[in-house]
Amino acid sequence: MCLRLPKLGGNSLARSSGDEKEKTEEIDKMIRRDKKLAAKQVKILLLGAGESGKSTILKQMRIIHTDGFPVTERKEVRQVIFSNLIVAFKIIAEEMRDLGIEYANPESEKFEATIMLADDLGINDSFPLGCLPAMKGLWNDASVQETIKRGNDYYNNIDRLFARDYLPNDQDCLRSRLRTTGITETLFELGPVTYHMFDVGGQRSERKKWVHCFEDVHCLLFVAALSGYDQCLVEDRTANQMQEALMLFESILSLPWFRRASIILFLNKIDLFKEKLVEKPVRDFFPDYSGADSDVTAASTYFANKFRSLNRTEGREIYVHYTNATDTTLLDVTMRSVQDTIIQNNLNHLLL
């Protein structure tokens, strides 16, 4: 008995071959499209020591270039702000005890106790009204003012915070303080280019996590607080903030990942720096400073040159900008200048 096999027609083979060819072309088209998209992606790594203002800059990018902060996130910020107030009063009280300063108002001891016993805020909670007279009373104590020497926007507008329908505005979100842990990415577009900005924790314990962000970085944006020239680190009271920033910057510049990256330096908190200079001369903390005590230009240039002197790579330029991270307009103008620098230094990669 013979089995008759079905015939494989030429049309079937041709159709199969044509399908494979279409699939291959489609895959090639997708690869070309992905390459084109990747060619217009810029990766910015935001680095700096703790308390430099890095996270505030990232928040500004969201306000300027994205939809900002949704209601849910603003409610979370409200919790953070209340926590910031409580922690600040605890720090002030500890500082006063260390300095041997007593409250000027006898009622302030009771105010302090009320504040210290306050519970954490829930996600939908308003500020507890029982804390309002305690916080206002303590803030107005002459000894507290003597201890801190300068105002604070939260305390100066504290009635607004305790309104039942209070929801943080953009400036409140910018000024809220929550330690950055891990890595935060913000995506935004400027013209034809898509920027991926990564913020990583600045404290010493967080720095080991940075290595995962180093590959294929087009721009290193390093942030140092000018106002930190007379301050210690949160995690090490024996270390000076500015000295720490200089050592960190030097170690980062020596890494091979950044040999071709644009290096942008933000000397941040210029507003606080100006306020401090007269009462706390730079030379008291950096003896080699030779400028006038109240000369903001000379003092800021002095620190800019200290950072520039750490660059050991021939032909690599450090682009310096003086910033106030809470000033949205100033930072918008500064970031557009940064964008021009990044594009000029990466024309071949961006294919613009």
C-alpha atoms as a PDB file:
ATOM      1  CA  MET A   1       0.000   0.000   0.000  1.00  0.00           C
ATOM      2  CA  CYS A   2       1.403   3.398  -1.012  1.00  0.00           C
ATOM      3  CA  LEU A   3       0.927   6.562   1.062  1.00  0.00           C
ATOM      4  CA  ARG A   4       0.381   9.671  -0.936  1.00  0.00           C
ATOM      5  CA  LEU A   5       2.156  12.703   0.612  1.00  0.00           C
ATOM      6  CA  PRO A   6       0.585  16.156   0.231  1.00  0.00           C
ATOM      7  CA  LYS A   7       2.256  18.427  -2.239  1.00  0.00           C
ATOM      8  CA  LEU A   8       4.103  21.511  -0.922  1.00  0.00           C
ATOM      9  CA  GLY A   9       3.199  24.145  -3.437  1.00  0.00           C
ATOM     10  CA  GLY A  10       5.605  26.854  -4.480  1.00  0.00           C
ATOM     11  CA  ASN A  11       3.104  29.529  -3.385  1.00  0.00           C
ATOM     12  CA  SER A  12       3.178  28.267   0.248  1.00  0.00           C
ATOM     13  CA  LEU A  13       6.980  28.449   0.404  1.00  0.00           C
ATOM     14  CA  ALA A  14       6.995  31.903  -1.156  1.00  0.00           C
ATOM     15  CA  ARG A  15       4.321  33.108   1.331  1.00  0.00           C
ATOM     16  CA  SER A  16       6.312  31.730   4.298  1.00  0.00           C
ATOM     17  CA  SER A  17       9.491  33.357   3.057  1.00  0.00           C
ATOM     18  CA  GLY A  18       7.654  36.664   2.579  1.00  0.00           C
ATOM     19  CA  ASP A  19       6.260  36.560   6.162  1.00  0.00           C
ATOM     20  CA  GLU A  20       9.731  36.000   7.592  1.00  0.00           C
ATOM     21  CA  LYS A  21      11.088  38.892   5.579  1.00  0.00           C
ATOM     22  CA  GLU A  22       8.319  41.212   6.852  1.00  0.00           C
ATOM     23  CA  LYS A  23       9.043  40.179  10.454  1.00  0.00           C
ATOM     24  CA  THR A  24      12.760  40.832  10.006  1.00  0.00           C
ATOM     25  CA  GLU A  25      12.094  44.245   8.494  1.00  0.00           C
ATOM     26  CA  GLU A  26       9.719  45.111  11.343  1.00  0.00           C
ATOM     27  CA  ILE A  27      12.324  44.112  13.954  1.00  0.00           C
ATOM     28  CA  ASP A  28      14.994  46.159  12.144  1.00  0.00           C
ATOM     29  CA  LYS A  29      12.631  49.127  12.069  1.00  0.00           C
ATOM     30  CA  MET A  30      11.998  48.828  15.826  1.00  0.00           C
ATOM     31  CA  ILE A  31      15.744  48.646  16.521  1.00  0.00           C
ATOM     32  CA  ARG A  32      16.377  51.757  14.417  1.00  0.00           C
ATOM     33  CA  ARG A  33      13.532  53.583  16.188  1.00  0.00           C
ATOM     34  CA  ASP A  34      14.856  52.613  19.638  1.00  0.00           C
ATOM     35  CA  LYS A  35      18.363  53.745  18.678  1.00  0.00           C
ATOM     36  CA  LYS A  36      16.992  57.067  17.481  1.00  0.00           C
ATOM     37  CA  LEU A  37      15.106  57.549  20.759  1.00  0.00           C
ATOM     38  CA  ALA A  38      18.144  56.540  22.815  1.00  0.00           C
ATOM     39  CA  ALA A  39      20.268  59.022  20.891  1.00  0.00           C
ATOM     40  CA  LYS A  40      18.127  61.855  22.269  1.00  0.00           C
ATOM     41  CA  GLN A  41      18.207  60.704  25.892  1.00  0.00           C
ATOM     42  CA  VAL A  42      20.475  62.510  28.358  1.00  0.00           C
ATOM     43  CA  LYS A  43      21.375  60.964  31.689  1.00  0.00           C
ATOM     44  CA  ILE A  44      22.170  63.494  34.453  1.00  0.00           C
ATOM     45  CA  LEU A  45      23.555  62.298  37.754  1.00  0.00           C
ATOM     46  CA  LEU A  46      22.822  64.658  40.652  1.00  0.00           C
ATOM     47  CA  LEU A  47      25.485  64.221  43.323  1.00  0.00           C
ATOM     48  CA  GLY A  48      26.661  66.044  46.431  1.00  0.00           C
ATOM     49  CA  ALA A  49      27.067  65.714  50.172  1.00  0.00           C
ATOM     50  CA  GLY A  50      24.069  65.689  52.515  1.00  0.00           C
ATOM     51  CA  GLU A  51      22.282  69.030  53.133  1.00  0.00           C
ATOM     52  CA  SER A  52      23.508  70.468  49.807  1.00  0.00           C
ATOM     53  CA  GLY A  53      20.036  71.001  48.317  1.00  0.00           C
ATOM     54  CA  LYS A  54      20.142  68.259  45.649  1.00  0.00           C
ATOM     55  CA  SER A  55      16.630  67.018  46.311  1.00  0.00           C
ATOM     56  CA  THR A  56      15.249  70.578  46.176  1.00  0.00           C
ATOM     57  CA  ILE A  57      16.725  70.972  42.685  1.00  0.00           C
ATOM     58  CA  LEU A  58      15.025  67.753  41.592  1.00  0.00           C
ATOM     59  CA  LYS A  59      11.711  69.036  42.985  1.00  0.00           C
ATOM     60  CA  GLN A  60      12.193  72.248  40.992  1.00  0.00           C
ATOM     61  CA  MET A  61      12.596  70.225  37.805  1.00  0.00           C
ATOM     62  CA  ARG A  62       9.217  68.657  38.510  1.00  0.00           C
ATOM     63  CA  ILE A  63       7.595  72.066  39.063  1.00  0.00           C
ATOM     64  CA  ILE A  64       9.168  73.621  35.952  1.00  0.00           C
ATOM     65  CA  HIS A  65       9.020  70.729  33.496  1.00  0.00           C
ATOM     66  CA  THR A  66       6.369  68.241  34.679  1.00  0.00           C
ATOM     67  CA  ASP A  67       2.958  68.361  36.375  1.00  0.00           C
ATOM     68  CA  GLY A  68       4.474  69.148  39.771  1.00  0.00           C
ATOM     69  CA  PHE A  69       3.084  67.529  42.911  1.00  0.00           C
ATOM     70  CA  PRO A  70      -0.284  65.706  42.918  1.00  0.00           C
ATOM     71  CA  VAL A  71      -2.687  66.090  45.877  1.00  0.00           C
ATOM     72  CA  THR A  72      -1.703  62.734  47.375  1.00  0.00           C
ATOM     73  CA  GLU A  73       1.949  63.741  47.441  1.00  0.00           C
ATOM     74  CA  ARG A  74       1.113  67.152  48.911  1.00  0.00           C
ATOM     75  CA  LYS A  75      -0.673  65.370  51.758  1.00  0.00           C
ATOM     76  CA  GLU A  76       2.484  63.351  52.371  1.00  0.00           C
ATOM     77  CA  VAL A  77       4.499  66.597  52.342  1.00  0.00           C
ATOM     78  CA  ARG A  78       2.093  67.987  54.956  1.00  0.00           C
ATOM     79  CA  GLN A  79       3.113  65.111  57.227  1.00  0.00           C
ATOM     80  CA  VAL A  80       6.792  65.823  56.544  1.00  0.00           C
ATOM     81  CA  ILE A  81       6.406  69.544  57.307  1.00  0.00           C
ATOM     82  CA  PHE A  82       4.790  68.842  60.683  1.00  0.00           C
ATOM     83  CA  SER A  83       7.607  66.408  61.462  1.00  0.00           C
ATOM     84  CA  ASN A  84      10.142  69.067  60.379  1.00  0.00           C
ATOM     85  CA  LEU A  85       8.608  71.532  62.853  1.00  0.00           C
ATOM     86  CA  ILE A  86       8.758  69.065  65.742  1.00  0.00           C
ATOM     87  CA  VAL A  87      12.339  67.994  64.965  1.00  0.00           C
ATOM     88  CA  ALA A  88      13.468  71.622  64.612  1.00  0.00           C
ATOM     89  CA  PHE A  89      12.118  72.509  68.051  1.00  0.00           C
ATOM     90  CA  LYS A  90      13.860  69.460  69.519  1.00  0.00           C
ATOM     91  CA  ILE A  91      17.169  70.560  67.970  1.00  0.00           C
ATOM     92  CA  ILE A  92      16.700  74.131  69.249  1.00  0.00           C
ATOM     93  CA  ALA A  93      15.967  72.845  72.771  1.00  0.00           C
ATOM     94  CA  GLU A  94      19.064  70.617  72.722  1.00  0.00           C
ATOM     95  CA  GLU A  95      21.227  73.476  71.429  1.00  0.00           C
ATOM     96  CA  MET A  96      19.984  75.785  74.170  1.00  0.00           C
ATOM     97  CA  ARG A  97      20.807  73.208  76.840  1.00  0.00           C
ATOM     98  CA  ASP A  98      24.280  72.693  75.337  1.00  0.00           C
ATOM     99  CA  LEU A  99      24.878  76.464  75.415  1.00  0.00           C
ATOM    100  CA  GLY A 100      23.412  76.855  78.903  1.00  0.00           C
ATOM    101  CA  ILE A 101      20.665  79.211  77.644  1.00  0.00           C
ATOM    102  CA  GLU A 102      17.361  79.283  79.556  1.00  0.00           C
ATOM    103  CA  TYR A 103      13.966  80.246  78.157  1.00  0.00           C
ATOM    104  CA  ALA A 104      13.092  83.911  78.608  1.00  0.00           C
ATOM    105  CA  ASN A 105       9.387  83.107  79.054  1.00  0.00           C
ATOM    106  CA  PRO A 106       8.482  80.853  82.044  1.00  0.00           C
ATOM    107  CA  GLU A 107       5.649  79.345  79.973  1.00  0.00           C
ATOM    108  CA  SER A 108       8.073  78.059  77.348  1.00  0.00           C
ATOM    109  CA  GLU A 109       8.869  74.907  79.349  1.00  0.00           C
ATOM    110  CA  LYS A 110       5.187  73.924  79.071  1.00  0.00           C
ATOM    111  CA  PHE A 111       5.186  74.828  75.366  1.00  0.00           C
ATOM    112  CA  GLU A 112       8.198  72.573  74.799  1.00  0.00           C
ATOM    113  CA  ALA A 113       6.515  69.659  76.628  1.00  0.00           C
ATOM    114  CA  THR A 114       3.368  70.031  74.485  1.00  0.00           C
ATOM    115  CA  ILE A 115       5.406  69.947  71.286  1.00  0.00           C
ATOM    116  CA  MET A 116       7.543  66.966  72.335  1.00  0.00           C
ATOM    117  CA  LEU A 117       4.414  64.899  73.135  1.00  0.00           C
ATOM    118  CA  ALA A 118       2.738  65.574  69.758  1.00  0.00           C
ATOM    119  CA  ASP A 119       1.763  62.488  67.744  1.00  0.00           C
ATOM    120  CA  ASP A 120       2.743  61.968  64.119  1.00  0.00           C
ATOM    121  CA  LEU A 121       0.322  63.364  61.553  1.00  0.00           C
ATOM    122  CA  GLY A 122      -1.889  60.945  59.582  1.00  0.00           C
ATOM    123  CA  ILE A 123      -2.129  61.251  55.792  1.00  0.00           C
ATOM    124  CA  ASN A 124      -5.530  63.031  55.952  1.00  0.00           C
ATOM    125  CA  ASP A 125      -4.960  64.906  59.239  1.00  0.00           C
ATOM    126  CA  SER A 126      -4.773  68.654  59.686  1.00  0.00           C
ATOM    127  CA  PHE A 127      -2.149  70.073  62.047  1.00  0.00           C
ATOM    128  CA  PRO A 128      -3.327  69.594  65.695  1.00  0.00           C
ATOM    129  CA  LEU A 129      -4.602  72.964  66.899  1.00  0.00           C
ATOM    130  CA  GLY A 130      -3.316  72.259  70.414  1.00  0.00           C
ATOM    131  CA  CYS A 131       0.241  72.669  69.106  1.00  0.00           C
ATOM    132  CA  LEU A 132      -0.328  76.076  67.514  1.00  0.00           C
ATOM    133  CA  PRO A 133      -0.119  78.284  70.656  1.00  0.00           C
ATOM    134  CA  ALA A 134       2.792  76.166  71.936  1.00  0.00           C
ATOM    135  CA  MET A 135       4.779  76.555  68.712  1.00  0.00           C
ATOM    136  CA  LYS A 136       4.030  80.276  68.394  1.00  0.00           C
ATOM    137  CA  GLY A 137       4.883  80.866  72.039  1.00  0.00           C
ATOM    138  CA  LEU A 138       8.146  78.959  71.844  1.00  0.00           C
ATOM    139  CA  TRP A 139       9.138  80.601  68.568  1.00  0.00           C
ATOM    140  CA  ASN A 140       8.545  84.068  70.052  1.00  0.00           C
ATOM    141  CA  ASP A 141      10.685  83.333  73.111  1.00  0.00           C
ATOM    142  CA  ALA A 142      13.634  85.761  73.063  1.00  0.00           C
ATOM    143  CA  SER A 143      16.108  83.026  74.027  1.00  0.00           C
ATOM    144  CA  VAL A 144      14.966  80.814  71.135  1.00  0.00           C
ATOM    145  CA  GLN A 145      15.484  83.700  68.722  1.00  0.00           C
ATOM    146  CA  GLU A 146      18.925  84.333  70.192  1.00  0.00           C
ATOM    147  CA  THR A 147      19.812  80.677  69.652  1.00  0.00           C
ATOM    148  CA  ILE A 148      18.779  80.416  66.014  1.00  0.00           C
ATOM    149  CA  LYS A 149      19.710  83.974  64.894  1.00  0.00           C
ATOM    150  CA  ARG A 150      17.532  83.831  61.782  1.00  0.00           C
ATOM    151  CA  GLY A 151      13.914  83.247  60.795  1.00  0.00           C
ATOM    152  CA  ASN A 152      12.242  80.293  59.166  1.00  0.00           C
ATOM    153  CA  ASP A 153       9.449  80.521  56.590  1.00  0.00           C
ATOM    154  CA  TYR A 154       7.393  77.784  58.246  1.00  0.00           C
ATOM    155  CA  TYR A 155       7.407  79.478  61.653  1.00  0.00           C
ATOM    156  CA  ASN A 156       6.872  82.954  60.245  1.00  0.00           C
ATOM    157  CA  ASN A 157       3.706  81.679  58.504  1.00  0.00           C
ATOM    158  CA  ILE A 158       2.630  79.145  61.093  1.00  0.00           C
ATOM    159  CA  ASP A 159      -1.073  80.184  61.259  1.00  0.00           C
ATOM    160  CA  ARG A 160      -1.427  79.229  57.586  1.00  0.00           C
ATOM    161  CA  LEU A 161      -0.109  75.738  58.283  1.00  0.00           C
ATOM    162  CA  PHE A 162      -2.708  75.083  60.964  1.00  0.00           C
ATOM    163  CA  ALA A 163      -5.698  75.968  58.744  1.00  0.00           C
ATOM    164  CA  ARG A 164      -8.046  72.962  58.527  1.00  0.00           C
ATOM    165  CA  ASP A 165      -7.926  72.890  54.713  1.00  0.00           C
ATOM    166  CA  TYR A 166      -4.137  73.524  54.508  1.00  0.00           C
ATOM    167  CA  LEU A 167      -2.420  71.752  51.628  1.00  0.00           C
ATOM    168  CA  PRO A 168       1.281  72.521  50.951  1.00  0.00           C
ATOM    169  CA  ASN A 169       1.984  74.866  48.035  1.00  0.00           C
ATOM    170  CA  ASP A 170       5.012  74.503  45.756  1.00  0.00           C
ATOM    171  CA  GLN A 171       7.303  76.522  48.046  1.00  0.00           C
ATOM    172  CA  ASP A 172       6.251  74.397  51.021  1.00  0.00           C
ATOM    173  CA  CYS A 173       7.078  71.251  49.041  1.00  0.00           C
ATOM    174  CA  LEU A 174      10.470  72.700  48.107  1.00  0.00           C
ATOM    175  CA  ARG A 175      11.321  73.613  51.705  1.00  0.00           C
ATOM    176  CA  SER A 176      10.162  70.350  53.269  1.00  0.00           C
ATOM    177  CA  ARG A 177      13.082  68.212  54.377  1.00  0.00           C
ATOM    178  CA  LEU A 178      13.179  64.447  54.121  1.00  0.00           C
ATOM    179  CA  ARG A 179      16.456  62.559  53.934  1.00  0.00           C
ATOM    180  CA  THR A 180      17.021  60.988  50.507  1.00  0.00           C
ATOM    181  CA  THR A 181      17.677  57.264  50.597  1.00  0.00           C
ATOM    182  CA  GLY A 182      18.310  55.120  47.547  1.00  0.00           C
ATOM    183  CA  ILE A 183      17.904  56.553  44.051  1.00  0.00           C
ATOM    184  CA  THR A 184      15.145  58.838  42.716  1.00  0.00           C
ATOM    185  CA  GLU A 185      14.627  59.411  38.988  1.00  0.00           C
ATOM    186  CA  THR A 186      12.800  62.351  37.401  1.00  0.00           C
ATOM    187  CA  LEU A 187      12.031  62.403  33.688  1.00  0.00           C
ATOM    188  CA  PHE A 188      11.440  65.648  31.787  1.00  0.00           C
ATOM    189  CA  GLU A 189      11.711  66.986  28.240  1.00  0.00           C
ATOM    190  CA  LEU A 190      13.404  70.161  27.028  1.00  0.00           C
ATOM    191  CA  GLY A 191      12.995  70.676  23.295  1.00  0.00           C
ATOM    192  CA  PRO A 192      13.931  67.521  21.374  1.00  0.00           C
ATOM    193  CA  VAL A 193      15.883  66.021  24.290  1.00  0.00           C
ATOM    194  CA  THR A 194      14.573  63.804  27.106  1.00  0.00           C
ATOM    195  CA  TYR A 195      16.430  64.135  30.398  1.00  0.00           C
ATOM    196  CA  HIS A 196      16.708  61.446  33.048  1.00  0.00           C
ATOM    197  CA  MET A 197      17.839  63.108  36.285  1.00  0.00           C
ATOM    198  CA  PHE A 198      18.911  60.822  39.130  1.00  0.00           C
ATOM    199  CA  ASP A 199      19.125  61.997  42.729  1.00  0.00           C
ATOM    200  CA  VAL A 200      20.935  59.763  45.215  1.00  0.00           C
ATOM    201  CA  GLY A 201      21.372  59.988  48.977  1.00  0.00           C
ATOM    202  CA  GLY A 202      24.195  62.345  49.971  1.00  0.00           C
ATOM    203  CA  GLN A 203      24.965  60.980  53.419  1.00  0.00           C
ATOM    204  CA  ARG A 204      28.069  58.818  53.692  1.00  0.00           C
ATOM    205  CA  SER A 205      26.015  55.660  54.291  1.00  0.00           C
ATOM    206  CA  GLU A 206      24.170  56.204  51.002  1.00  0.00           C
ATOM    207  CA  ARG A 207      27.156  56.778  48.707  1.00  0.00           C
ATOM    208  CA  LYS A 208      27.902  53.110  48.062  1.00  0.00           C
ATOM    209  CA  LYS A 209      24.631  52.993  46.102  1.00  0.00           C
ATOM    210  CA  TRP A 210      25.851  55.558  43.567  1.00  0.00           C
ATOM    211  CA  VAL A 211      28.023  53.132  41.591  1.00  0.00           C
ATOM    212  CA  HIS A 212      24.968  51.641  39.868  1.00  0.00           C
ATOM    213  CA  CYS A 213      24.185  55.018  38.274  1.00  0.00           C
ATOM    214  CA  PHE A 214      27.605  55.740  36.815  1.00  0.00           C
ATOM    215  CA  GLU A 215      27.367  53.952  33.477  1.00  0.00           C
ATOM    216  CA  ASP A 216      26.646  56.047  30.370  1.00  0.00           C
ATOM    217  CA  VAL A 217      26.269  59.343  32.256  1.00  0.00           C
ATOM    218  CA  HIS A 218      26.346  62.405  29.981  1.00  0.00           C
ATOM    219  CA  CYS A 219      26.406  65.008  32.737  1.00  0.00           C
ATOM    220  CA  LEU A 220      27.488  65.075  36.361  1.00  0.00           C
ATOM    221  CA  LEU A 221      25.689  67.822  38.261  1.00  0.00           C
ATOM    222  CA  PHE A 222      27.443  68.239  41.596  1.00  0.00           C
ATOM    223  CA  VAL A 223      25.761  70.357  44.276  1.00  0.00           C
ATOM    224  CA  ALA A 224      27.610  71.956  47.199  1.00  0.00           C
ATOM    225  CA  ALA A 225      26.086  74.306  49.770  1.00  0.00           C
ATOM    226  CA  LEU A 226      28.067  77.560  49.949  1.00  0.00           C
ATOM    227  CA  SER A 227      26.398  78.238  53.285  1.00  0.00           C
ATOM    228  CA  GLY A 228      27.953  75.071  54.709  1.00  0.00           C
ATOM    229  CA  TYR A 229      31.405  76.615  55.108  1.00  0.00           C
ATOM    230  CA  ASP A 230      30.801  77.010  58.855  1.00  0.00           C
ATOM    231  CA  GLN A 231      28.574  73.962  59.463  1.00  0.00           C
ATOM    232  CA  CYS A 232      29.169  70.342  60.445  1.00  0.00           C
ATOM    233  CA  LEU A 233      27.702  67.229  58.819  1.00  0.00           C
ATOM    234  CA  VAL A 234      24.481  65.784  60.198  1.00  0.00           C
ATOM    235  CA  GLU A 235      26.139  62.355  60.424  1.00  0.00           C
ATOM    236  CA  ASP A 236      29.484  63.609  61.766  1.00  0.00           C
ATOM    237  CA  ARG A 237      29.616  66.731  63.959  1.00  0.00           C
ATOM    238  CA  THR A 238      33.422  66.816  63.680  1.00  0.00           C
ATOM    239  CA  ALA A 239      33.399  67.203  59.869  1.00  0.00           C
ATOM    240  CA  ASN A 240      32.927  70.525  58.050  1.00  0.00           C
ATOM    241  CA  GLN A 241      30.277  70.485  55.293  1.00  0.00           C
ATOM    242  CA  MET A 242      32.370  72.414  52.770  1.00  0.00           C
ATOM    243  CA  GLN A 243      35.505  70.325  53.398  1.00  0.00           C
ATOM    244  CA  GLU A 244      33.414  67.189  52.962  1.00  0.00           C
ATOM    245  CA  ALA A 245      32.001  68.489  49.667  1.00  0.00           C
ATOM    246  CA  LEU A 246      35.516  69.299  48.376  1.00  0.00           C
ATOM    247  CA  MET A 247      36.822  65.820  49.271  1.00  0.00           C
ATOM    248  CA  LEU A 248      33.793  64.152  47.701  1.00  0.00           C
ATOM    249  CA  PHE A 249      34.095  66.228  44.510  1.00  0.00           C
ATOM    250  CA  GLU A 250      37.777  65.335  44.185  1.00  0.00           C
ATOM    251  CA  SER A 251      37.108  61.615  44.599  1.00  0.00           C
ATOM    252  CA  ILE A 252      34.271  61.691  42.040  1.00  0.00           C
ATOM    253  CA  LEU A 253      36.356  63.541  39.430  1.00  0.00           C
ATOM    254  CA  SER A 254      38.968  60.765  39.624  1.00  0.00           C
ATOM    255  CA  LEU A 255      36.467  58.057  38.625  1.00  0.00           C
ATOM    256  CA  PRO A 256      36.800  56.740  35.048  1.00  0.00           C
ATOM    257  CA  TRP A 257      33.057  56.990  34.357  1.00  0.00           C
ATOM    258  CA  PHE A 258      33.203  60.792  34.277  1.00  0.00           C
ATOM    259  CA  ARG A 259      36.162  61.383  31.975  1.00  0.00           C
ATOM    260  CA  ARG A 260      33.873  62.328  29.086  1.00  0.00           C
ATOM    261  CA  ALA A 261      30.877  63.628  31.050  1.00  0.00           C
ATOM    262  CA  SER A 262      30.039  67.321  31.303  1.00  0.00           C
ATOM    263  CA  ILE A 263      30.852  68.503  34.829  1.00  0.00           C
ATOM    264  CA  ILE A 264      28.427  71.100  36.201  1.00  0.00           C
ATOM    265  CA  LEU A 265      28.982  72.547  39.685  1.00  0.00           C
ATOM    266  CA  PHE A 266      26.095  74.215  41.515  1.00  0.00           C
ATOM    267  CA  LEU A 267      27.327  76.301  44.443  1.00  0.00           C
ATOM    268  CA  ASN A 268      23.962  76.377  46.145  1.00  0.00           C
ATOM    269  CA  LYS A 269      22.284  78.354  48.948  1.00  0.00           C
ATOM    270  CA  ILE A 270      23.887  81.610  47.798  1.00  0.00           C
ATOM    271  CA  ASP A 271      21.114  83.515  49.630  1.00  0.00           C
ATOM    272  CA  LEU A 272      22.034  82.007  53.014  1.00  0.00           C
ATOM    273  CA  PHE A 273      25.721  82.466  52.209  1.00  0.00           C
ATOM    274  CA  LYS A 274      25.232  86.241  51.756  1.00  0.00           C
ATOM    275  CA  GLU A 275      23.434  86.510  55.097  1.00  0.00           C
ATOM    276  CA  LYS A 276      26.195  84.700  57.004  1.00  0.00           C
ATOM    277  CA  LEU A 277      29.321  86.405  55.704  1.00  0.00           C
ATOM    278  CA  VAL A 278      29.388  89.479  57.947  1.00  0.00           C
ATOM    279  CA  GLU A 279      28.827  87.610  61.220  1.00  0.00           C
ATOM    280  CA  LYS A 280      30.835  84.510  60.302  1.00  0.00           C
ATOM    281  CA  PRO A 281      33.897  85.452  58.198  1.00  0.00           C
ATOM    282  CA  VAL A 282      35.152  82.781  55.781  1.00  0.00           C
ATOM    283  CA  ARG A 283      38.738  83.185  57.089  1.00  0.00           C
ATOM    284  CA  ASP A 284      37.636  81.870  60.511  1.00  0.00           C
ATOM    285  CA  PHE A 285      37.043  78.487  58.852  1.00  0.00           C
ATOM    286  CA  PHE A 286      39.330  78.720  55.806  1.00  0.00           C
ATOM    287  CA  PRO A 287      42.460  80.680  56.917  1.00  0.00           C
ATOM    288  CA  ASP A 288      43.871  80.976  53.379  1.00  0.00           C
ATOM    289  CA  TYR A 289      40.935  83.183  52.286  1.00  0.00           C
ATOM    290  CA  SER A 290      42.297  86.693  51.674  1.00  0.00           C
ATOM    291  CA  GLY A 291      39.229  88.620  50.510  1.00  0.00           C
ATOM    292  CA  ALA A 292      37.120  91.096  52.469  1.00  0.00           C
ATOM    293  CA  ASP A 293      34.772  89.565  55.044  1.00  0.00           C
ATOM    294  CA  SER A 294      31.623  91.015  53.468  1.00  0.00           C
ATOM    295  CA  ASP A 295      32.652  90.595  49.802  1.00  0.00           C
ATOM    296  CA  VAL A 296      30.184  88.010  48.449  1.00  0.00           C
ATOM    297  CA  THR A 297      31.831  87.909  45.008  1.00  0.00           C
ATOM    298  CA  ALA A 298      35.326  87.338  46.405  1.00  0.00           C
ATOM    299  CA  ALA A 299      34.128  84.688  48.868  1.00  0.00           C
ATOM    300  CA  SER A 300      32.023  82.752  46.340  1.00  0.00           C
ATOM    301  CA  THR A 301      34.826  82.938  43.735  1.00  0.00           C
ATOM    302  CA  TYR A 302      37.268  81.634  46.364  1.00  0.00           C
ATOM    303  CA  PHE A 303      35.191  78.472  46.835  1.00  0.00           C
ATOM    304  CA  ALA A 304      34.592  78.076  43.082  1.00  0.00           C
ATOM    305  CA  ASN A 305      38.360  78.128  42.526  1.00  0.00           C
ATOM    306  CA  LYS A 306      38.906  75.563  45.297  1.00  0.00           C
ATOM    307  CA  PHE A 307      36.586  73.159  43.466  1.00  0.00           C
ATOM    308  CA  ARG A 308      38.127  73.914  40.050  1.00  0.00           C
ATOM    309  CA  SER A 309      41.626  73.234  41.400  1.00  0.00           C
ATOM    310  CA  LEU A 310      40.624  69.618  42.096  1.00  0.00           C
ATOM    311  CA  ASN A 311      40.201  68.891  38.370  1.00  0.00           C
ATOM    312  CA  ARG A 312      43.236  66.883  37.221  1.00  0.00           C
ATOM    313  CA  THR A 313      41.963  66.021  33.726  1.00  0.00           C
ATOM    314  CA  GLU A 314      43.519  68.176  31.011  1.00  0.00           C
ATOM    315  CA  GLY A 315      41.008  69.853  28.722  1.00  0.00           C
ATOM    316  CA  ARG A 316      38.019  69.113  30.983  1.00  0.00           C
ATOM    317  CA  GLU A 317      36.142  72.220  32.089  1.00  0.00           C
ATOM    318  CA  ILE A 318      34.135  72.665  35.285  1.00  0.00           C
ATOM    319  CA  TYR A 319      31.046  74.815  34.626  1.00  0.00           C
ATOM    320  CA  VAL A 320      30.139  76.742  37.809  1.00  0.00           C
ATOM    321  CA  HIS A 321      26.739  78.259  38.635  1.00  0.00           C
ATOM    322  CA  TYR A 322      25.688  80.076  41.824  1.00  0.00           C
ATOM    323  CA  THR A 323      22.202  78.965  42.768  1.00  0.00           C
ATOM    324  CA  ASN A 324      19.352  79.222  45.225  1.00  0.00           C
ATOM    325  CA  ALA A 325      17.455  75.958  44.825  1.00  0.00           C
ATOM    326  CA  THR A 326      14.229  77.376  46.304  1.00  0.00           C
ATOM    327  CA  ASP A 327      14.079  80.176  43.673  1.00  0.00           C
ATOM    328  CA  THR A 328      12.153  78.641  40.777  1.00  0.00           C
ATOM    329  CA  THR A 329      12.808  81.476  38.288  1.00  0.00           C
ATOM    330  CA  LEU A 330      16.559  81.567  38.953  1.00  0.00           C
ATOM    331  CA  LEU A 331      16.870  77.804  38.695  1.00  0.00           C
ATOM    332  CA  ASP A 332      14.880  77.725  35.450  1.00  0.00           C
ATOM    333  CA  VAL A 333      17.293  80.238  33.877  1.00  0.00           C
ATOM    334  CA  THR A 334      20.294  78.319  35.256  1.00  0.00           C
ATOM    335  CA  MET A 335      19.049  74.959  33.955  1.00  0.00           C
ATOM    336  CA  ARG A 336      18.585  76.392  30.455  1.00  0.00           C
ATOM    337  CA  SER A 337      22.231  77.423  30.524  1.00  0.00           C
ATOM    338  CA  VAL A 338      23.111  73.926  31.735  1.00  0.00           C
ATOM    339  CA  GLN A 339      21.063  72.463  28.882  1.00  0.00           C
ATOM    340  CA  ASP A 340      23.068  74.464  26.333  1.00  0.00           C
ATOM    341  CA  THR A 341      26.311  73.164  27.862  1.00  0.00           C
ATOM    342  CA  ILE A 342      25.125  69.552  27.795  1.00  0.00           C
ATOM    343  CA  ILE A 343      23.950  69.776  24.179  1.00  0.00           C
ATOM    344  CA  GLN A 344      27.182  71.433  22.999  1.00  0.00           C
ATOM    345  CA  ASN A 345      29.285  68.790  24.749  1.00  0.00           C
ATOM    346  CA  ASN A 346      27.214  65.873  23.442  1.00  0.00           C
ATOM    347  CA  LEU A 347      26.369  66.894  19.856  1.00  0.00           C
ATOM    348  CA  ASN A 348      27.734  63.672  18.359  1.00  0.00           C
ATOM    349  CA  HIS A 349      25.727  61.507  20.737  1.00  0.00           C
ATOM    350  CA  LEU A 350      22.466  63.477  20.454  1.00  0.00           C
ATOM    351  CA  LEU A 351      22.528  63.619  16.628  1.00  0.00           C
ATOM    352  CA  LEU A 352      20.710  66.965  16.682  1.00  0.00           C
END
